[in-house]
């Protein structure tokens, strides 16, 4: 079913946005945006190498389309979600352990 992968990513991202709004994690800031861009660039480069080398494969029935060498169009959104989710978990852990570092 094309678009299922995208729908799952968008749904998960919506959950992070709701979590941020509820818990005031401060995810939508310049430092977070810089982290997302840096991590996304690094992982997209890794994806290009992996897909080009035949190490990675994506089920074509789940994605809308792919960029050569086989990276799904949804991949940048997935990487942005993973980075945002990791930052949210870090900030939650810091809050639960009473650390002021963010």
PDB file of N, CA and C in Angstrom:
ATOM      1  N   UNK A   1       0.842  -1.165   0.000  1.00  0.00           N
ATOM      2  CA  UNK A   1       0.000   0.000   0.000  1.00  0.00           C
ATOM      3  C   UNK A   1       0.898   1.242   0.000  1.00  0.00           C
ATOM      4  N   UNK A   2       1.018   1.910  -1.125  1.00  0.00           N
ATOM      5  CA  UNK A   2       1.857   3.117  -1.195  1.00  0.00           C
ATOM      6  C   UNK A   2       1.374   4.186  -0.218  1.00  0.00           C
ATOM      7  N   UNK A   3       2.316   4.828   0.412  1.00  0.00           N
ATOM      8  CA  UNK A   3       1.991   5.887   1.349  1.00  0.00           C
ATOM      9  C   UNK A   3       1.873   5.434   2.791  1.00  0.00           C
ATOM     10  N   UNK A   4       1.889   4.138   3.032  1.00  0.00           N
ATOM     11  CA  UNK A   4       1.774   3.634   4.397  1.00  0.00           C
ATOM     12  C   UNK A   4       2.975   4.052   5.242  1.00  0.00           C
ATOM     13  N   UNK A   5       4.144   3.982   4.669  1.00  0.00           N
ATOM     14  CA  UNK A   5       5.383   4.381   5.348  1.00  0.00           C
ATOM     15  C   UNK A   5       5.320   5.866   5.705  1.00  0.00           C
ATOM     16  N   UNK A   6       4.894   6.692   4.757  1.00  0.00           N
ATOM     17  CA  UNK A   6       4.765   8.125   4.994  1.00  0.00           C
ATOM     18  C   UNK A   6       3.726   8.404   6.073  1.00  0.00           C
ATOM     19  N   UNK A   7       2.605   7.722   6.035  1.00  0.00           N
ATOM     20  CA  UNK A   7       1.559   7.925   7.041  1.00  0.00           C
ATOM     21  C   UNK A   7       2.060   7.572   8.439  1.00  0.00           C
ATOM     22  N   UNK A   8       2.830   6.507   8.549  1.00  0.00           N
ATOM     23  CA  UNK A   8       3.369   6.113   9.850  1.00  0.00           C
ATOM     24  C   UNK A   8       4.350   7.160  10.371  1.00  0.00           C
ATOM     25  N   UNK A   9       5.187   7.684   9.510  1.00  0.00           N
ATOM     26  CA  UNK A   9       6.160   8.704   9.920  1.00  0.00           C
ATOM     27  C   UNK A   9       5.437   9.979  10.348  1.00  0.00           C
ATOM     28  N   UNK A  10       4.460  10.416   9.563  1.00  0.00           N
ATOM     29  CA  UNK A  10       3.707  11.637   9.895  1.00  0.00           C
ATOM     30  C   UNK A  10       2.957  11.454  11.214  1.00  0.00           C
ATOM     31  N   UNK A  11       2.371  10.276  11.421  1.00  0.00           N
ATOM     32  CA  UNK A  11       1.674  10.002  12.681  1.00  0.00           C
ATOM     33  C   UNK A  11       2.614  10.043  13.879  1.00  0.00           C
ATOM     34  N   UNK A  12       3.795   9.453  13.725  1.00  0.00           N
ATOM     35  CA  UNK A  12       4.773   9.469  14.810  1.00  0.00           C
ATOM     36  C   UNK A  12       5.259  10.892  15.078  1.00  0.00           C
ATOM     37  N   UNK A  13       5.488  11.645  14.010  1.00  0.00           N
ATOM     38  CA  UNK A  13       5.927  13.036  14.168  1.00  0.00           C
ATOM     39  C   UNK A  13       4.853  13.854  14.880  1.00  0.00           C
ATOM     40  N   UNK A  14       3.591  13.612  14.555  1.00  0.00           N
ATOM     41  CA  UNK A  14       2.492  14.311  15.226  1.00  0.00           C
ATOM     42  C   UNK A  14       2.502  14.002  16.721  1.00  0.00           C
ATOM     43  N   UNK A  15       2.821  12.768  17.073  1.00  0.00           N
ATOM     44  CA  UNK A  15       2.921  12.399  18.484  1.00  0.00           C
ATOM     45  C   UNK A  15       4.016  13.171  19.197  1.00  0.00           C
ATOM     46  N   UNK A  16       5.160  13.368  18.547  1.00  0.00           N
ATOM     47  CA  UNK A  16       6.253  14.139  19.152  1.00  0.00           C
ATOM     48  C   UNK A  16       5.838  15.596  19.314  1.00  0.00           C
ATOM     49  N   UNK A  17       5.141  16.134  18.336  1.00  0.00           N
ATOM     50  CA  UNK A  17       4.674  17.524  18.428  1.00  0.00           C
ATOM     51  C   UNK A  17       3.706  17.680  19.603  1.00  0.00           C
ATOM     52  N   UNK A  18       2.788  16.733  19.750  1.00  0.00           N
ATOM     53  CA  UNK A  18       1.852  16.788  20.880  1.00  0.00           C
ATOM     54  C   UNK A  18       2.582  16.644  22.217  1.00  0.00           C
ATOM     55  N   UNK A  19       3.563  15.763  22.259  1.00  0.00           N
ATOM     56  CA  UNK A  19       4.355  15.596  23.473  1.00  0.00           C
ATOM     57  C   UNK A  19       5.091  16.888  23.821  1.00  0.00           C
ATOM     58  N   UNK A  20       5.649  17.535  22.813  1.00  0.00           N
ATOM     59  CA  UNK A  20       6.348  18.798  23.040  1.00  0.00           C
ATOM     60  C   UNK A  20       5.387  19.873  23.543  1.00  0.00           C
ATOM     61  N   UNK A  21       4.223  19.946  22.959  1.00  0.00           N
ATOM     62  CA  UNK A  21       3.244  20.950  23.397  1.00  0.00           C
ATOM     63  C   UNK A  21       2.790  20.685  24.826  1.00  0.00           C
ATOM     64  N   UNK A  22       2.601  19.430  25.160  1.00  0.00           N
ATOM     65  CA  UNK A  22       2.115  19.068  26.497  1.00  0.00           C
ATOM     66  C   UNK A  22       3.169  19.281  27.571  1.00  0.00           C
ATOM     67  N   UNK A  23       4.426  18.919  27.268  1.00  0.00           N
ATOM     68  CA  UNK A  23       5.486  18.945  28.269  1.00  0.00           C
ATOM     69  C   UNK A  23       6.460  20.110  28.122  1.00  0.00           C
ATOM     70  N   UNK A  24       6.239  20.975  27.140  1.00  0.00           N
ATOM     71  CA  UNK A  24       7.089  22.156  26.913  1.00  0.00           C
ATOM     72  C   UNK A  24       8.568  21.779  26.870  1.00  0.00           C
ATOM     73  N   UNK A  25       8.914  20.916  25.932  1.00  0.00           N
ATOM     74  CA  UNK A  25      10.296  20.454  25.802  1.00  0.00           C
ATOM     75  C   UNK A  25      11.169  21.427  25.027  1.00  0.00           C
ATOM     76  N   UNK A  26      10.574  22.364  24.331  1.00  0.00           N
ATOM     77  CA  UNK A  26      11.346  23.352  23.578  1.00  0.00           C
ATOM     78  C   UNK A  26      12.033  22.769  22.361  1.00  0.00           C
ATOM     79  N   UNK A  27      11.345  21.884  21.659  1.00  0.00           N
ATOM     80  CA  UNK A  27      11.951  21.227  20.505  1.00  0.00           C
ATOM     81  C   UNK A  27      12.061  22.134  19.287  1.00  0.00           C
ATOM     82  N   UNK A  28      11.282  23.165  19.212  1.00  0.00           N
ATOM     83  CA  UNK A  28      11.256  23.985  18.001  1.00  0.00           C
ATOM     84  C   UNK A  28      12.083  25.241  18.231  1.00  0.00           C
ATOM     85  N   UNK A  29      13.391  25.038  18.148  1.00  0.00           N
ATOM     86  CA  UNK A  29      14.339  26.120  18.366  1.00  0.00           C
ATOM     87  C   UNK A  29      15.462  26.024  17.335  1.00  0.00           C
ATOM     88  N   UNK A  30      16.279  27.058  17.268  1.00  0.00           N
ATOM     89  CA  UNK A  30      17.397  27.071  16.317  1.00  0.00           C
ATOM     90  C   UNK A  30      18.399  25.946  16.604  1.00  0.00           C
ATOM     91  N   UNK A  31      18.799  25.710  17.860  1.00  0.00           N
ATOM     92  CA  UNK A  31      19.736  24.609  18.100  1.00  0.00           C
ATOM     93  C   UNK A  31      19.187  23.241  17.680  1.00  0.00           C
ATOM     94  N   UNK A  32      17.895  23.039  17.899  1.00  0.00           N
ATOM     95  CA  UNK A  32      17.294  21.778  17.478  1.00  0.00           C
ATOM     96  C   UNK A  32      17.292  21.676  15.955  1.00  0.00           C
ATOM     97  N   UNK A  33      16.972  22.760  15.271  1.00  0.00           N
ATOM     98  CA  UNK A  33      16.981  22.757  13.804  1.00  0.00           C
ATOM     99  C   UNK A  33      18.377  22.468  13.262  1.00  0.00           C
ATOM    100  N   UNK A  34      19.400  23.045  13.880  1.00  0.00           N
ATOM    101  CA  UNK A  34      20.773  22.781  13.447  1.00  0.00           C
ATOM    102  C   UNK A  34      21.117  21.306  13.644  1.00  0.00           C
ATOM    103  N   UNK A  35      20.726  20.756  14.786  1.00  0.00           N
ATOM    104  CA  UNK A  35      20.987  19.339  15.038  1.00  0.00           C
ATOM    105  C   UNK A  35      20.299  18.454  14.003  1.00  0.00           C
ATOM    106  N   UNK A  36      19.065  18.776  13.676  1.00  0.00           N
ATOM    107  CA  UNK A  36      18.332  17.988  12.684  1.00  0.00           C
ATOM    108  C   UNK A  36      19.032  18.047  11.336  1.00  0.00           C
ATOM    109  N   UNK A  37      19.441  19.224  10.911  1.00  0.00           N
ATOM    110  CA  UNK A  37      20.097  19.374   9.603  1.00  0.00           C
ATOM    111  C   UNK A  37      21.420  18.609   9.563  1.00  0.00           C
ATOM    112  N   UNK A  38      22.218  18.727  10.614  1.00  0.00           N
ATOM    113  CA  UNK A  38      23.521  18.052  10.636  1.00  0.00           C
ATOM    114  C   UNK A  38      23.350  16.536  10.642  1.00  0.00           C
ATOM    115  N   UNK A  39      22.488  16.044  11.507  1.00  0.00           N
ATOM    116  CA  UNK A  39      22.276  14.596  11.591  1.00  0.00           C
ATOM    117  C   UNK A  39      21.662  14.064  10.301  1.00  0.00           C
ATOM    118  N   UNK A  40      20.711  14.798   9.759  1.00  0.00           N
ATOM    119  CA  UNK A  40      20.070  14.357   8.525  1.00  0.00           C
ATOM    120  C   UNK A  40      21.063  14.286   7.370  1.00  0.00           C
ATOM    121  N   UNK A  41      21.922  15.266   7.240  1.00  0.00           N
ATOM    122  CA  UNK A  41      22.928  15.243   6.174  1.00  0.00           C
ATOM    123  C   UNK A  41      23.859  14.048   6.327  1.00  0.00           C
ATOM    124  N   UNK A  42      24.290  13.781   7.548  1.00  0.00           N
ATOM    125  CA  UNK A  42      25.191  12.649   7.779  1.00  0.00           C
ATOM    126  C   UNK A  42      24.508  11.322   7.461  1.00  0.00           C
ATOM    127  N   UNK A  43      23.298  11.150   7.921  1.00  0.00           N
ATOM    128  CA  UNK A  43      22.615   9.886   7.683  1.00  0.00           C
ATOM    129  C   UNK A  43      22.171   9.725   6.231  1.00  0.00           C
ATOM    130  N   UNK A  44      21.811  10.806   5.563  1.00  0.00           N
ATOM    131  CA  UNK A  44      21.484  10.688   4.140  1.00  0.00           C
ATOM    132  C   UNK A  44      22.710  10.287   3.336  1.00  0.00           C
ATOM    133  N   UNK A  45      23.876  10.812   3.710  1.00  0.00           N
ATOM    134  CA  UNK A  45      25.115  10.390   3.038  1.00  0.00           C
ATOM    135  C   UNK A  45      25.353   8.901   3.275  1.00  0.00           C
ATOM    136  N   UNK A  46      25.136   8.453   4.490  1.00  0.00           N
ATOM    137  CA  UNK A  46      25.272   7.032   4.810  1.00  0.00           C
ATOM    138  C   UNK A  46      24.252   6.202   4.025  1.00  0.00           C
ATOM    139  N   UNK A  47      23.031   6.695   3.902  1.00  0.00           N
ATOM    140  CA  UNK A  47      21.994   5.996   3.130  1.00  0.00           C
ATOM    141  C   UNK A  47      22.372   5.882   1.655  1.00  0.00           C
ATOM    142  N   UNK A  48      22.936   6.934   1.102  1.00  0.00           N
ATOM    143  CA  UNK A  48      23.363   6.893  -0.300  1.00  0.00           C
ATOM    144  C   UNK A  48      24.425   5.807  -0.490  1.00  0.00           C
ATOM    145  N   UNK A  49      25.384   5.758   0.423  1.00  0.00           N
ATOM    146  CA  UNK A  49      26.420   4.721   0.332  1.00  0.00           C
ATOM    147  C   UNK A  49      25.822   3.326   0.499  1.00  0.00           C
ATOM    148  N   UNK A  50      24.950   3.176   1.466  1.00  0.00           N
ATOM    149  CA  UNK A  50      24.349   1.866   1.716  1.00  0.00           C
ATOM    150  C   UNK A  50      23.439   1.399   0.600  1.00  0.00           C
ATOM    151  N   UNK A  51      22.607   2.280   0.098  1.00  0.00           N
ATOM    152  CA  UNK A  51      21.704   1.906  -0.996  1.00  0.00           C
ATOM    153  C   UNK A  51      22.493   1.668  -2.281  1.00  0.00           C
ATOM    154  N   UNK A  52      23.505   2.486  -2.523  1.00  0.00           N
ATOM    155  CA  UNK A  52      24.335   2.311  -3.713  1.00  0.00           C
ATOM    156  C   UNK A  52      25.122   1.012  -3.680  1.00  0.00           C
ATOM    157  N   UNK A  53      25.517   0.597  -2.484  1.00  0.00           N
ATOM    158  CA  UNK A  53      26.267  -0.647  -2.334  1.00  0.00           C
ATOM    159  C   UNK A  53      25.383  -1.875  -2.250  1.00  0.00           C
ATOM    160  N   UNK A  54      24.069  -1.675  -2.261  1.00  0.00           N
ATOM    161  CA  UNK A  54      23.148  -2.807  -2.193  1.00  0.00           C
ATOM    162  C   UNK A  54      22.916  -3.321  -0.781  1.00  0.00           C
ATOM    163  N   UNK A  55      23.357  -2.596   0.229  1.00  0.00           N
ATOM    164  CA  UNK A  55      23.200  -3.039   1.615  1.00  0.00           C
ATOM    165  C   UNK A  55      21.817  -2.746   2.156  1.00  0.00           C
ATOM    166  N   UNK A  56      21.183  -1.673   1.667  1.00  0.00           N
ATOM    167  CA  UNK A  56      19.871  -1.273   2.147  1.00  0.00           C
ATOM    168  C   UNK A  56      18.849  -1.489   1.051  1.00  0.00           C
ATOM    169  N   UNK A  57      17.679  -1.889   1.455  1.00  0.00           N
ATOM    170  CA  UNK A  57      16.575  -2.026   0.507  1.00  0.00           C
ATOM    171  C   UNK A  57      15.282  -1.631   1.215  1.00  0.00           C
ATOM    172  N   UNK A  58      14.394  -1.013   0.491  1.00  0.00           N
ATOM    173  CA  UNK A  58      13.104  -0.602   1.033  1.00  0.00           C
ATOM    174  C   UNK A  58      12.010  -1.288   0.242  1.00  0.00           C
ATOM    175  N   UNK A  59      10.997  -1.739   0.932  1.00  0.00           N
ATOM    176  CA  UNK A  59       9.863  -2.382   0.284  1.00  0.00           C
ATOM    177  C   UNK A  59       9.145  -1.356  -0.596  1.00  0.00           C
ATOM    178  N   UNK A  60       9.188  -1.558  -1.888  1.00  0.00           N
ATOM    179  CA  UNK A  60       8.635  -0.597  -2.843  1.00  0.00           C
ATOM    180  C   UNK A  60       7.122  -0.443  -2.704  1.00  0.00           C
ATOM    181  N   UNK A  61       6.452  -1.448  -2.199  1.00  0.00           N
ATOM    182  CA  UNK A  61       4.995  -1.360  -2.053  1.00  0.00           C
ATOM    183  C   UNK A  61       4.579  -0.364  -0.972  1.00  0.00           C
ATOM    184  N   UNK A  62       5.479  -0.006  -0.058  1.00  0.00           N
ATOM    185  CA  UNK A  62       5.126   0.869   1.050  1.00  0.00           C
ATOM    186  C   UNK A  62       5.455   2.321   0.781  1.00  0.00           C
ATOM    187  N   UNK A  63       6.348   2.588  -0.126  1.00  0.00           N
ATOM    188  CA  UNK A  63       6.811   3.955  -0.362  1.00  0.00           C
ATOM    189  C   UNK A  63       6.139   4.552  -1.592  1.00  0.00           C
ATOM    190  N   UNK A  64       6.164   5.877  -1.660  1.00  0.00           N
ATOM    191  CA  UNK A  64       5.571   6.566  -2.804  1.00  0.00           C
ATOM    192  C   UNK A  64       6.499   6.536  -4.008  1.00  0.00           C
ATOM    193  N   UNK A  65       7.774   6.746  -3.769  1.00  0.00           N
ATOM    194  CA  UNK A  65       8.774   6.748  -4.845  1.00  0.00           C
ATOM    195  C   UNK A  65      10.151   6.676  -4.201  1.00  0.00           C
ATOM    196  N   UNK A  66      11.169   6.513  -5.027  1.00  0.00           N
ATOM    197  CA  UNK A  66      12.541   6.446  -4.529  1.00  0.00           C
ATOM    198  C   UNK A  66      13.446   7.318  -5.366  1.00  0.00           C
ATOM    199  N   UNK A  67      14.470   7.867  -4.696  1.00  0.00           N
ATOM    200  CA  UNK A  67      15.534   8.578  -5.390  1.00  0.00           C
ATOM    201  C   UNK A  67      16.623   7.574  -5.693  1.00  0.00           C
ATOM    202  N   UNK A  68      17.293   7.722  -6.812  1.00  0.00           N
ATOM    203  CA  UNK A  68      18.447   6.859  -7.042  1.00  0.00           C
ATOM    204  C   UNK A  68      19.473   7.106  -5.946  1.00  0.00           C
ATOM    205  N   UNK A  69      20.063   6.146  -5.387  1.00  0.00           N
ATOM    206  CA  UNK A  69      20.150   4.723  -5.733  1.00  0.00           C
ATOM    207  C   UNK A  69      19.150   3.846  -4.997  1.00  0.00           C
ATOM    208  N   UNK A  70      17.989   4.330  -4.642  1.00  0.00           N
ATOM    209  CA  UNK A  70      16.979   3.518  -3.968  1.00  0.00           C
ATOM    210  C   UNK A  70      16.591   4.041  -2.600  1.00  0.00           C
ATOM    211  N   UNK A  71      16.737   5.332  -2.384  1.00  0.00           N
ATOM    212  CA  UNK A  71      16.364   5.933  -1.108  1.00  0.00           C
ATOM    213  C   UNK A  71      14.921   6.429  -1.221  1.00  0.00           C
ATOM    214  N   UNK A  72      14.036   6.003  -0.315  1.00  0.00           N
ATOM    215  CA  UNK A  72      12.641   6.441  -0.379  1.00  0.00           C
ATOM    216  C   UNK A  72      12.523   7.953  -0.194  1.00  0.00           C
ATOM    217  N   UNK A  73      11.535   8.541  -0.819  1.00  0.00           N
ATOM    218  CA  UNK A  73      11.289   9.971  -0.653  1.00  0.00           C
ATOM    219  C   UNK A  73      10.966  10.317   0.795  1.00  0.00           C
ATOM    220  N   UNK A  74      10.466   9.358   1.541  1.00  0.00           N
ATOM    221  CA  UNK A  74      10.094   9.582   2.933  1.00  0.00           C
ATOM    222  C   UNK A  74      11.300   9.617   3.875  1.00  0.00           C
ATOM    223  N   UNK A  75      12.452   9.199   3.409  1.00  0.00           N
ATOM    224  CA  UNK A  75      13.632   9.063   4.269  1.00  0.00           C
ATOM    225  C   UNK A  75      14.044  10.352   4.984  1.00  0.00           C
ATOM    226  N   UNK A  76      14.095  11.514   4.325  1.00  0.00           N
ATOM    227  CA  UNK A  76      14.461  12.734   5.061  1.00  0.00           C
ATOM    228  C   UNK A  76      13.502  13.048   6.215  1.00  0.00           C
ATOM    229  N   UNK A  77      12.211  12.800   6.015  1.00  0.00           N
ATOM    230  CA  UNK A  77      11.251  13.034   7.089  1.00  0.00           C
ATOM    231  C   UNK A  77      11.469  12.047   8.226  1.00  0.00           C
ATOM    232  N   UNK A  78      11.770  10.802   7.895  1.00  0.00           N
ATOM    233  CA  UNK A  78      12.054   9.802   8.920  1.00  0.00           C
ATOM    234  C   UNK A  78      13.281  10.203   9.744  1.00  0.00           C
ATOM    235  N   UNK A  79      14.323  10.647   9.074  1.00  0.00           N
ATOM    236  CA  UNK A  79      15.537  11.046   9.781  1.00  0.00           C
ATOM    237  C   UNK A  79      15.293  12.267  10.671  1.00  0.00           C
ATOM    238  N   UNK A  80      14.490  13.216  10.186  1.00  0.00           N
ATOM    239  CA  UNK A  80      14.144  14.378  11.013  1.00  0.00           C
ATOM    240  C   UNK A  80      13.332  13.936  12.230  1.00  0.00           C
ATOM    241  N   UNK A  81      12.426  12.985  12.043  1.00  0.00           N
ATOM    242  CA  UNK A  81      11.649  12.469  13.173  1.00  0.00           C
ATOM    243  C   UNK A  81      12.551  11.779  14.190  1.00  0.00           C
ATOM    244  N   UNK A  82      13.449  10.926  13.727  1.00  0.00           N
ATOM    245  CA  UNK A  82      14.326  10.195  14.641  1.00  0.00           C
ATOM    246  C   UNK A  82      15.179  11.168  15.457  1.00  0.00           C
ATOM    247  N   UNK A  83      15.705  12.191  14.806  1.00  0.00           N
ATOM    248  CA  UNK A  83      16.522  13.177  15.514  1.00  0.00           C
ATOM    249  C   UNK A  83      15.681  13.937  16.534  1.00  0.00           C
ATOM    250  N   UNK A  84      14.499  14.363  16.148  1.00  0.00           N
ATOM    251  CA  UNK A  84      13.615  15.098  17.050  1.00  0.00           C
ATOM    252  C   UNK A  84      13.202  14.229  18.229  1.00  0.00           C
ATOM    253  N   UNK A  85      12.909  12.971  17.968  1.00  0.00           N
ATOM    254  CA  UNK A  85      12.512  12.040  19.017  1.00  0.00           C
ATOM    255  C   UNK A  85      13.670  11.813  19.997  1.00  0.00           C
ATOM    256  N   UNK A  86      14.884  11.690  19.480  1.00  0.00           N
ATOM    257  CA  UNK A  86      16.047  11.502  20.348  1.00  0.00           C
ATOM    258  C   UNK A  86      16.263  12.721  21.249  1.00  0.00           C
ATOM    259  N   UNK A  87      16.098  13.910  20.694  1.00  0.00           N
ATOM    260  CA  UNK A  87      16.250  15.128  21.494  1.00  0.00           C
ATOM    261  C   UNK A  87      15.150  15.203  22.556  1.00  0.00           C
ATOM    262  N   UNK A  88      13.929  14.838  22.179  1.00  0.00           N
ATOM    263  CA  UNK A  88      12.826  14.833  23.144  1.00  0.00           C
ATOM    264  C   UNK A  88      13.107  13.852  24.278  1.00  0.00           C
ATOM    265  N   UNK A  89      13.588  12.659  23.961  1.00  0.00           N
ATOM    266  CA  UNK A  89      13.906  11.681  24.995  1.00  0.00           C
ATOM    267  C   UNK A  89      15.026  12.174  25.903  1.00  0.00           C
ATOM    268  N   UNK A  90      16.024  12.819  25.314  1.00  0.00           N
ATOM    269  CA  UNK A  90      17.118  13.365  26.116  1.00  0.00           C
ATOM    270  C   UNK A  90      16.600  14.425  27.087  1.00  0.00           C
ATOM    271  N   UNK A  91      15.757  15.303  26.591  1.00  0.00           N
ATOM    272  CA  UNK A  91      15.235  16.368  27.461  1.00  0.00           C
ATOM    273  C   UNK A  91      14.311  15.815  28.538  1.00  0.00           C
ATOM    274  N   UNK A  92      13.531  14.797  28.195  1.00  0.00           N
ATOM    275  CA  UNK A  92      12.689  14.161  29.210  1.00  0.00           C
ATOM    276  C   UNK A  92      13.540  13.479  30.267  1.00  0.00           C
ATOM    277  N   UNK A  93      14.578  12.775  29.853  1.00  0.00           N
ATOM    278  CA  UNK A  93      15.454  12.097  30.808  1.00  0.00           C
ATOM    279  C   UNK A  93      16.151  13.110  31.710  1.00  0.00           C
ATOM    280  N   UNK A  94      16.593  14.215  31.121  1.00  0.00           N
ATOM    281  CA  UNK A  94      17.236  15.259  31.928  1.00  0.00           C
ATOM    282  C   UNK A  94      16.255  15.841  32.943  1.00  0.00           C
ATOM    283  N   UNK A  95      15.025  16.000  32.544  1.00  0.00           N
ATOM    284  CA  UNK A  95      14.016  16.543  33.444  1.00  0.00           C
ATOM    285  C   UNK A  95      13.712  15.546  34.567  1.00  0.00           C
ATOM    286  N   UNK A  96      13.609  14.268  34.220  1.00  0.00           N
ATOM    287  CA  UNK A  96      13.282  13.252  35.221  1.00  0.00           C
ATOM    288  C   UNK A  96      14.430  13.015  36.189  1.00  0.00           C
ATOM    289  N   UNK A  97      15.647  13.282  35.760  1.00  0.00           N
ATOM    290  CA  UNK A  97      16.789  13.091  36.650  1.00  0.00           C
ATOM    291  C   UNK A  97      17.235  14.406  37.265  1.00  0.00           C
ATOM    292  N   UNK A  98      16.455  15.444  37.091  1.00  0.00           N
ATOM    293  CA  UNK A  98      16.700  16.782  37.645  1.00  0.00           C
ATOM    294  C   UNK A  98      18.009  17.392  37.164  1.00  0.00           C
ATOM    295  N   UNK A  99      18.410  17.093  35.955  1.00  0.00           N
ATOM    296  CA  UNK A  99      19.572  17.736  35.375  1.00  0.00           C
ATOM    297  C   UNK A  99      19.109  18.965  34.623  1.00  0.00           C
ATOM    298  N   UNK A 100      19.832  20.035  34.712  1.00  0.00           N
ATOM    299  CA  UNK A 100      19.462  21.270  34.039  1.00  0.00           C
ATOM    300  C   UNK A 100      20.060  21.372  32.658  1.00  0.00           C
ATOM    301  N   UNK A 101      20.905  20.433  32.250  1.00  0.00           N
ATOM    302  CA  UNK A 101      21.526  20.488  30.932  1.00  0.00           C
ATOM    303  C   UNK A 101      20.516  20.131  29.862  1.00  0.00           C
ATOM    304  N   UNK A 102      20.413  20.953  28.800  1.00  0.00           N
ATOM    305  CA  UNK A 102      19.529  20.661  27.669  1.00  0.00           C
ATOM    306  C   UNK A 102      20.276  20.830  26.383  1.00  0.00           C
TER     307      UNK A 102
END
